[in-house]
Amino acid sequence: MTIIHKVNKPYGVIFEYLTDMQKFVQVHPVIYKIDPISDNQYLFFETLRIGLIPWSFSYPGTIEGSDDAKKVVMQATVMQMTKIEMTFNMEPEGDFTIINEVITFKSPLPVKFLMENIFKKQHAQLFENIEKQS
């Protein structure tokens, strides 16, 4: 799945929000806590709402950013079954940044369609939240 975001923030701001976990947790719509495990490994805590019922869980993940390549790669394994990889390729365009986000899911469960819908909404909100930061 590929999603294109156009954010009214310079590239450096976007890169910082995607690689600094203290900043990332401030703008993510469902991740409420991130604990470092090692250099680029983290434990993510998130709460999704299924109807009116909140569902909280945690999972390990990695984040690697390359300022030279203007790229950030995030990988996570949720519920020890679903592997997710998100690659954010960024292109500065004046005061804006164009983000070409590629997300892949690997799971023995038939969750791809559901997860694609969740990620589209969450990441649209994520980049709106980054855009609102001063």
Protein backbone atom coordinates (compact mmCIF):
# COMPACT_ATOMS: atom_id res chain seq x y z
CA MET A 1 0.00 0.00 0.00
CA THR A 2 1.27 3.46 -0.87
CA ILE A 3 -0.01 6.71 0.64
CA ILE A 4 1.11 10.19 -0.43
CA HIS A 5 1.05 12.97 2.17
CA LYS A 6 1.75 16.66 1.46
CA VAL A 7 2.61 18.39 4.72
CA ASN A 8 3.06 22.11 5.23
CA LYS A 9 6.31 21.69 7.16
CA PRO A 10 9.94 21.64 6.01
CA TYR A 11 11.62 18.27 5.52
CA GLY A 12 13.81 18.63 8.65
CA VAL A 13 10.76 18.99 10.89
CA ILE A 14 9.09 15.90 9.42
CA PHE A 15 12.30 13.87 9.72
CA GLU A 16 12.69 14.93 13.35
CA TYR A 17 9.11 13.93 14.26
CA LEU A 18 9.54 10.52 12.63
CA THR A 19 12.90 9.75 14.28
CA ASP A 20 12.67 11.41 17.72
CA MET A 21 10.39 9.12 19.71
CA GLN A 22 9.57 11.79 22.31
CA LYS A 23 8.22 13.98 19.52
CA PHE A 24 6.63 11.07 17.65
CA VAL A 25 4.53 9.98 20.64
CA GLN A 26 3.24 13.58 21.05
CA VAL A 27 1.67 13.58 17.58
CA HIS A 28 0.67 9.95 16.99
CA PRO A 29 -3.10 9.42 17.32
CA VAL A 30 -2.99 5.99 19.04
CA ILE A 31 0.54 5.41 20.34
CA TYR A 32 0.62 6.83 23.87
CA LYS A 33 4.03 5.63 25.11
CA ILE A 34 7.35 4.50 23.65
CA ASP A 35 10.10 2.91 25.74
CA PRO A 36 13.61 2.54 24.31
CA ILE A 37 15.06 -0.97 24.28
CA SER A 38 18.37 -0.21 22.54
CA ASP A 39 19.76 2.23 19.95
CA ASN A 40 16.97 2.05 17.38
CA GLN A 41 14.69 -0.52 19.05
CA TYR A 42 11.61 0.45 21.01
CA LEU A 43 8.57 -0.95 22.76
CA PHE A 44 5.42 0.79 21.49
CA PHE A 45 2.22 1.06 23.54
CA GLU A 46 -1.00 1.82 21.74
CA THR A 47 -4.73 1.85 22.28
CA LEU A 48 -7.19 1.25 19.44
CA ARG A 49 -10.91 1.71 19.77
CA ILE A 50 -13.09 -1.07 18.43
CA GLY A 51 -16.46 0.58 18.54
CA LEU A 52 -16.66 1.94 22.08
CA ILE A 53 -14.24 -0.62 23.50
CA PRO A 54 -10.59 0.42 23.96
CA TRP A 55 -8.02 -2.28 23.17
CA SER A 56 -4.50 -1.64 24.51
CA PHE A 57 -1.42 -3.61 23.56
CA SER A 58 2.34 -3.26 23.11
CA TYR A 59 4.83 -4.51 20.53
CA PRO A 60 8.52 -4.19 19.65
CA GLY A 61 9.74 -2.19 16.69
CA THR A 62 12.71 -0.49 15.09
CA ILE A 63 13.19 2.90 13.52
CA GLU A 64 16.04 3.78 11.21
CA GLY A 65 16.39 7.18 9.62
CA SER A 66 18.74 8.29 6.88
CA ASP A 67 18.95 12.05 6.63
CA ASP A 68 21.07 11.77 3.46
CA ALA A 69 18.50 9.54 1.72
CA LYS A 70 15.59 11.53 3.23
CA LYS A 71 14.05 8.26 4.35
CA VAL A 72 12.77 6.66 7.55
CA VAL A 73 12.01 2.94 7.87
CA MET A 74 9.88 1.60 10.72
CA GLN A 75 9.40 -2.11 11.35
CA ALA A 76 7.20 -3.77 13.96
CA THR A 77 5.74 -7.13 14.84
CA VAL A 78 2.28 -6.85 16.36
CA MET A 79 0.88 -9.71 18.44
CA GLN A 80 3.89 -11.79 17.40
CA MET A 81 2.04 -12.52 14.16
CA THR A 82 1.77 -9.48 11.94
CA LYS A 83 4.92 -7.92 10.54
CA ILE A 84 4.59 -4.33 9.41
CA GLU A 85 7.14 -2.27 7.52
CA MET A 86 6.63 1.42 6.80
CA THR A 87 9.00 3.35 4.59
CA PHE A 88 8.66 7.13 4.50
CA ASN A 89 10.46 8.64 1.50
CA MET A 90 10.48 12.43 1.80
CA GLU A 91 10.96 15.09 -0.83
CA PRO A 92 11.27 18.76 0.14
CA GLU A 93 9.11 21.10 -1.92
CA GLY A 94 9.63 24.64 -0.66
CA ASP A 95 8.00 24.94 2.78
CA PHE A 96 6.17 21.66 2.13
CA THR A 97 7.32 18.05 2.28
CA ILE A 98 5.93 15.32 0.05
CA ILE A 99 5.96 11.98 1.86
CA ASN A 100 5.64 8.80 -0.15
CA GLU A 101 4.73 6.20 2.45
CA VAL A 102 4.94 2.52 1.53
CA ILE A 103 3.43 0.05 4.01
CA THR A 104 3.66 -3.72 3.78
CA PHE A 105 1.90 -6.26 5.99
CA LYS A 106 2.82 -9.92 6.42
CA SER A 107 0.47 -12.01 8.51
CA PRO A 108 -1.07 -15.48 8.53
CA LEU A 109 -4.32 -13.74 9.48
CA PRO A 110 -6.62 -12.04 6.93
CA VAL A 111 -6.03 -8.56 8.40
CA LYS A 112 -4.57 -6.65 5.44
CA PHE A 113 -7.79 -4.85 4.40
CA LEU A 114 -8.66 -3.86 7.97
CA MET A 115 -5.10 -2.71 8.72
CA GLU A 116 -4.87 -0.68 5.51
CA ASN A 117 -7.99 1.27 6.51
CA ILE A 118 -6.70 1.83 10.04
CA PHE A 119 -3.28 3.02 8.83
CA LYS A 120 -4.75 5.39 6.22
CA LYS A 121 -6.79 7.14 8.90
CA GLN A 122 -4.08 7.09 11.59
CA HIS A 123 -1.31 8.38 9.35
CA ALA A 124 -3.48 11.11 7.84
CA GLN A 125 -4.09 12.25 11.45
CA LEU A 126 -0.39 11.81 12.33
CA PHE A 127 0.74 14.18 9.57
CA GLU A 128 -2.10 16.64 10.31
CA ASN A 129 -0.88 16.69 13.93
CA ILE A 130 2.71 17.33 12.81
CA GLU A 131 1.52 20.14 10.56
CA LYS A 132 -0.25 21.80 13.53
CA GLN A 133 2.95 21.87 15.63
CA SER A 134 4.60 25.28 15.93
